[in-house]
């Protein structure tokens, strides 16, 4: 089961990402290249059987859980938008934007931020006034969680 650990970690990291707005999907492709699309909502949960042989997907939109044998999965693809690929927030409120790995945080007053990777290690933290720029270009690609004032944003550094 150890070779499947990256699948577990990837699923755990990707599901909490924002899934509101446009349709978001997860596509599970088995060894015979058959694809099973799964609609993702804010109610979607991915869990694993006690013996770690099956992935179980539950959602408020399905009557019963979808179950996949992990040994039969070749690829899992998530069709999700990064929460910071476009500007978030209304003018006059907190805004977070991304341009090529440079994340800009703007707010009318004080900004207090902390950034973690998906393992839980703190990457950076600090304070600023009105505008803070964070450079992710030299950081390891992956998912980062940015806590700004009282809001949390997930950011994918590519």
C-alpha atoms as a PDB file:
ATOM      1  CA  UNK A   1       0.000   0.000   0.000  1.00  0.00           C
ATOM      2  CA  UNK A   2       2.996   2.339   0.435  1.00  0.00           C
ATOM      3  CA  UNK A   3       3.205   3.149  -3.337  1.00  0.00           C
ATOM      4  CA  UNK A   4      -0.356   4.506  -3.126  1.00  0.00           C
ATOM      5  CA  UNK A   5       0.536   7.053  -0.433  1.00  0.00           C
ATOM      6  CA  UNK A   6       0.960   9.877  -3.012  1.00  0.00           C
ATOM      7  CA  UNK A   7      -2.625   9.255  -4.205  1.00  0.00           C
ATOM      8  CA  UNK A   8      -3.921   9.542  -0.623  1.00  0.00           C
ATOM      9  CA  UNK A   9      -1.996  12.749   0.021  1.00  0.00           C
ATOM     10  CA  UNK A  10      -2.980  14.285  -3.311  1.00  0.00           C
ATOM     11  CA  UNK A  11      -6.683  13.538  -2.772  1.00  0.00           C
ATOM     12  CA  UNK A  12      -6.577  14.905   0.746  1.00  0.00           C
ATOM     13  CA  UNK A  13      -4.928  18.099  -0.481  1.00  0.00           C
ATOM     14  CA  UNK A  14      -7.154  18.730  -3.469  1.00  0.00           C
ATOM     15  CA  UNK A  15     -10.669  18.132  -2.134  1.00  0.00           C
ATOM     16  CA  UNK A  16     -10.756  21.111   0.256  1.00  0.00           C
ATOM     17  CA  UNK A  17     -10.057  23.491  -2.626  1.00  0.00           C
ATOM     18  CA  UNK A  18     -12.849  25.857  -3.508  1.00  0.00           C
ATOM     19  CA  UNK A  19     -15.484  24.068  -5.551  1.00  0.00           C
ATOM     20  CA  UNK A  20     -18.137  26.754  -5.720  1.00  0.00           C
ATOM     21  CA  UNK A  21     -19.229  28.452  -8.925  1.00  0.00           C
ATOM     22  CA  UNK A  22     -18.377  26.547 -12.107  1.00  0.00           C
ATOM     23  CA  UNK A  23     -18.709  22.759 -12.327  1.00  0.00           C
ATOM     24  CA  UNK A  24     -15.688  21.013 -10.848  1.00  0.00           C
ATOM     25  CA  UNK A  25     -14.893  17.395 -11.527  1.00  0.00           C
ATOM     26  CA  UNK A  26     -12.572  14.600 -10.571  1.00  0.00           C
ATOM     27  CA  UNK A  27     -11.941  12.026 -13.292  1.00  0.00           C
ATOM     28  CA  UNK A  28     -10.835   8.575 -12.169  1.00  0.00           C
ATOM     29  CA  UNK A  29      -9.198   6.598 -14.975  1.00  0.00           C
ATOM     30  CA  UNK A  30      -8.766   2.872 -14.472  1.00  0.00           C
ATOM     31  CA  UNK A  31      -6.078   0.563 -15.892  1.00  0.00           C
ATOM     32  CA  UNK A  32      -8.207  -0.089 -19.028  1.00  0.00           C
ATOM     33  CA  UNK A  33      -8.475   3.695 -19.689  1.00  0.00           C
ATOM     34  CA  UNK A  34     -12.166   3.807 -18.742  1.00  0.00           C
ATOM     35  CA  UNK A  35     -12.964   7.196 -17.226  1.00  0.00           C
ATOM     36  CA  UNK A  36     -15.414   7.825 -14.382  1.00  0.00           C
ATOM     37  CA  UNK A  37     -16.179  11.545 -13.953  1.00  0.00           C
ATOM     38  CA  UNK A  38     -17.260  12.589 -10.461  1.00  0.00           C
ATOM     39  CA  UNK A  39     -18.923  15.983  -9.885  1.00  0.00           C
ATOM     40  CA  UNK A  40     -17.355  17.819  -6.946  1.00  0.00           C
ATOM     41  CA  UNK A  41     -19.329  20.083  -4.645  1.00  0.00           C
ATOM     42  CA  UNK A  42     -18.662  21.604  -1.251  1.00  0.00           C
ATOM     43  CA  UNK A  43     -20.261  18.428   0.187  1.00  0.00           C
ATOM     44  CA  UNK A  44     -17.873  16.031  -1.594  1.00  0.00           C
ATOM     45  CA  UNK A  45     -15.724  13.918   0.693  1.00  0.00           C
ATOM     46  CA  UNK A  46     -13.008  11.430  -0.265  1.00  0.00           C
ATOM     47  CA  UNK A  47     -12.166   8.745   2.258  1.00  0.00           C
ATOM     48  CA  UNK A  48     -10.459   5.377   2.232  1.00  0.00           C
ATOM     49  CA  UNK A  49     -11.515   1.969   3.496  1.00  0.00           C
ATOM     50  CA  UNK A  50      -9.933   0.703   6.714  1.00  0.00           C
ATOM     51  CA  UNK A  51      -7.686  -1.663   4.766  1.00  0.00           C
ATOM     52  CA  UNK A  52      -6.740   1.176   2.349  1.00  0.00           C
ATOM     53  CA  UNK A  53      -7.811  -0.851  -0.686  1.00  0.00           C
ATOM     54  CA  UNK A  54     -10.700   1.399  -1.779  1.00  0.00           C
ATOM     55  CA  UNK A  55     -11.328   5.103  -2.316  1.00  0.00           C
ATOM     56  CA  UNK A  56     -14.852   6.156  -1.321  1.00  0.00           C
ATOM     57  CA  UNK A  57     -16.386   9.363  -2.697  1.00  0.00           C
ATOM     58  CA  UNK A  58     -19.511  10.709  -1.020  1.00  0.00           C
ATOM     59  CA  UNK A  59     -21.459  13.801  -1.937  1.00  0.00           C
ATOM     60  CA  UNK A  60     -24.772  15.451  -1.190  1.00  0.00           C
ATOM     61  CA  UNK A  61     -25.614  15.081  -4.908  1.00  0.00           C
ATOM     62  CA  UNK A  62     -25.431  11.257  -5.040  1.00  0.00           C
ATOM     63  CA  UNK A  63     -27.714   8.710  -3.415  1.00  0.00           C
ATOM     64  CA  UNK A  64     -24.906   6.305  -2.574  1.00  0.00           C
ATOM     65  CA  UNK A  65     -21.127   6.562  -2.360  1.00  0.00           C
ATOM     66  CA  UNK A  66     -18.912   5.816  -5.342  1.00  0.00           C
ATOM     67  CA  UNK A  67     -16.232   3.232  -4.594  1.00  0.00           C
ATOM     68  CA  UNK A  68     -13.005   2.677  -6.541  1.00  0.00           C
ATOM     69  CA  UNK A  69     -10.453  -0.111  -6.004  1.00  0.00           C
ATOM     70  CA  UNK A  70      -7.126   1.666  -5.581  1.00  0.00           C
ATOM     71  CA  UNK A  71      -5.201  -1.086  -7.343  1.00  0.00           C
ATOM     72  CA  UNK A  72      -7.337  -0.445 -10.424  1.00  0.00           C
ATOM     73  CA  UNK A  73      -6.794   3.323 -10.597  1.00  0.00           C
ATOM     74  CA  UNK A  74      -4.273   4.508 -13.168  1.00  0.00           C
ATOM     75  CA  UNK A  75      -4.814   8.271 -12.898  1.00  0.00           C
ATOM     76  CA  UNK A  76      -6.923  10.750 -10.921  1.00  0.00           C
ATOM     77  CA  UNK A  77      -7.392  14.138 -12.576  1.00  0.00           C
ATOM     78  CA  UNK A  78      -8.956  17.126 -10.826  1.00  0.00           C
ATOM     79  CA  UNK A  79     -10.576  19.864 -12.892  1.00  0.00           C
ATOM     80  CA  UNK A  80     -10.344  22.704 -10.365  1.00  0.00           C
ATOM     81  CA  UNK A  81      -9.515  26.356 -10.611  1.00  0.00           C
ATOM     82  CA  UNK A  82      -6.983  27.780  -8.197  1.00  0.00           C
ATOM     83  CA  UNK A  83      -8.625  30.198  -5.807  1.00  0.00           C
ATOM     84  CA  UNK A  84      -6.039  32.823  -6.709  1.00  0.00           C
ATOM     85  CA  UNK A  85      -5.822  32.513 -10.506  1.00  0.00           C
ATOM     86  CA  UNK A  86      -8.042  35.585 -10.578  1.00  0.00           C
ATOM     87  CA  UNK A  87      -8.599  38.383  -8.104  1.00  0.00           C
ATOM     88  CA  UNK A  88     -10.757  37.408  -5.136  1.00  0.00           C
ATOM     89  CA  UNK A  89     -12.789  39.898  -3.177  1.00  0.00           C
ATOM     90  CA  UNK A  90     -14.773  43.037  -3.751  1.00  0.00           C
ATOM     91  CA  UNK A  91     -13.128  46.434  -4.183  1.00  0.00           C
ATOM     92  CA  UNK A  92     -12.722  48.037  -0.767  1.00  0.00           C
ATOM     93  CA  UNK A  93     -12.359  44.613   0.895  1.00  0.00           C
ATOM     94  CA  UNK A  94      -9.619  42.019   1.069  1.00  0.00           C
ATOM     95  CA  UNK A  95      -8.312  41.036  -2.377  1.00  0.00           C
ATOM     96  CA  UNK A  96      -5.891  38.244  -3.270  1.00  0.00           C
ATOM     97  CA  UNK A  97      -4.488  37.898  -6.784  1.00  0.00           C
ATOM     98  CA  UNK A  98      -1.816  35.823  -8.511  1.00  0.00           C
ATOM     99  CA  UNK A  99       0.373  36.692 -11.438  1.00  0.00           C
ATOM    100  CA  UNK A 100       2.977  34.087 -12.333  1.00  0.00           C
ATOM    101  CA  UNK A 101       3.650  33.011  -8.757  1.00  0.00           C
ATOM    102  CA  UNK A 102       3.610  36.531  -7.311  1.00  0.00           C
ATOM    103  CA  UNK A 103       0.667  36.727  -4.910  1.00  0.00           C
ATOM    104  CA  UNK A 104      -0.585  40.203  -4.047  1.00  0.00           C
ATOM    105  CA  UNK A 105      -2.783  40.759  -1.002  1.00  0.00           C
ATOM    106  CA  UNK A 106      -4.609  44.085  -0.726  1.00  0.00           C
ATOM    107  CA  UNK A 107      -6.899  45.426   1.993  1.00  0.00           C
ATOM    108  CA  UNK A 108      -7.990  48.885   3.152  1.00  0.00           C
ATOM    109  CA  UNK A 109      -6.078  48.548   6.441  1.00  0.00           C
ATOM    110  CA  UNK A 110      -3.800  46.172   8.277  1.00  0.00           C
ATOM    111  CA  UNK A 111      -2.946  42.795   6.740  1.00  0.00           C
ATOM    112  CA  UNK A 112      -1.808  39.858   8.841  1.00  0.00           C
ATOM    113  CA  UNK A 113      -0.920  36.703   6.900  1.00  0.00           C
ATOM    114  CA  UNK A 114       0.498  33.225   7.372  1.00  0.00           C
ATOM    115  CA  UNK A 115       1.203  30.642   4.666  1.00  0.00           C
ATOM    116  CA  UNK A 116       1.418  26.856   5.121  1.00  0.00           C
ATOM    117  CA  UNK A 117       2.148  24.026   2.721  1.00  0.00           C
ATOM    118  CA  UNK A 118      -0.183  21.026   2.674  1.00  0.00           C
ATOM    119  CA  UNK A 119       2.055  19.129   5.088  1.00  0.00           C
ATOM    120  CA  UNK A 120       1.398  21.852   7.654  1.00  0.00           C
ATOM    121  CA  UNK A 121       4.801  23.511   7.616  1.00  0.00           C
ATOM    122  CA  UNK A 122       4.707  27.282   7.909  1.00  0.00           C
ATOM    123  CA  UNK A 123       6.257  28.780   4.789  1.00  0.00           C
ATOM    124  CA  UNK A 124       6.044  32.470   5.657  1.00  0.00           C
ATOM    125  CA  UNK A 125       4.163  34.869   7.933  1.00  0.00           C
ATOM    126  CA  UNK A 126       4.046  38.595   8.427  1.00  0.00           C
ATOM    127  CA  UNK A 127       2.134  41.842   8.627  1.00  0.00           C
ATOM    128  CA  UNK A 128       1.688  44.792   6.360  1.00  0.00           C
ATOM    129  CA  UNK A 129      -0.471  47.778   5.521  1.00  0.00           C
ATOM    130  CA  UNK A 130      -2.777  47.941   2.491  1.00  0.00           C
ATOM    131  CA  UNK A 131      -0.631  45.778   0.119  1.00  0.00           C
ATOM    132  CA  UNK A 132       1.595  42.751   0.681  1.00  0.00           C
ATOM    133  CA  UNK A 133       3.437  40.891  -2.092  1.00  0.00           C
ATOM    134  CA  UNK A 134       4.504  37.263  -1.632  1.00  0.00           C
ATOM    135  CA  UNK A 135       6.955  35.712  -4.106  1.00  0.00           C
ATOM    136  CA  UNK A 136       6.339  31.990  -4.671  1.00  0.00           C
ATOM    137  CA  UNK A 137       8.550  31.713  -7.770  1.00  0.00           C
ATOM    138  CA  UNK A 138      11.458  30.164  -5.848  1.00  0.00           C
ATOM    139  CA  UNK A 139       9.228  27.922  -3.705  1.00  0.00           C
ATOM    140  CA  UNK A 140       8.426  24.290  -4.366  1.00  0.00           C
ATOM    141  CA  UNK A 141       5.439  23.842  -6.688  1.00  0.00           C
ATOM    142  CA  UNK A 142       2.332  22.634  -4.870  1.00  0.00           C
ATOM    143  CA  UNK A 143      -0.682  23.683  -2.849  1.00  0.00           C
ATOM    144  CA  UNK A 144      -0.318  26.395  -0.210  1.00  0.00           C
ATOM    145  CA  UNK A 145      -2.893  27.624   2.282  1.00  0.00           C
ATOM    146  CA  UNK A 146      -2.838  31.383   2.870  1.00  0.00           C
ATOM    147  CA  UNK A 147      -4.601  32.749   5.952  1.00  0.00           C
ATOM    148  CA  UNK A 148      -5.148  36.500   5.589  1.00  0.00           C
ATOM    149  CA  UNK A 149      -6.864  38.337   8.444  1.00  0.00           C
ATOM    150  CA  UNK A 150     -10.008  36.209   8.857  1.00  0.00           C
ATOM    151  CA  UNK A 151     -10.076  34.527   5.424  1.00  0.00           C
ATOM    152  CA  UNK A 152      -8.384  31.424   4.044  1.00  0.00           C
ATOM    153  CA  UNK A 153      -7.315  31.028   0.417  1.00  0.00           C
ATOM    154  CA  UNK A 154      -5.837  27.969  -1.272  1.00  0.00           C
ATOM    155  CA  UNK A 155      -3.109  28.719  -3.799  1.00  0.00           C
ATOM    156  CA  UNK A 156      -1.526  26.369  -6.339  1.00  0.00           C
ATOM    157  CA  UNK A 157       2.066  27.305  -7.092  1.00  0.00           C
ATOM    158  CA  UNK A 158       2.910  25.873 -10.529  1.00  0.00           C
END
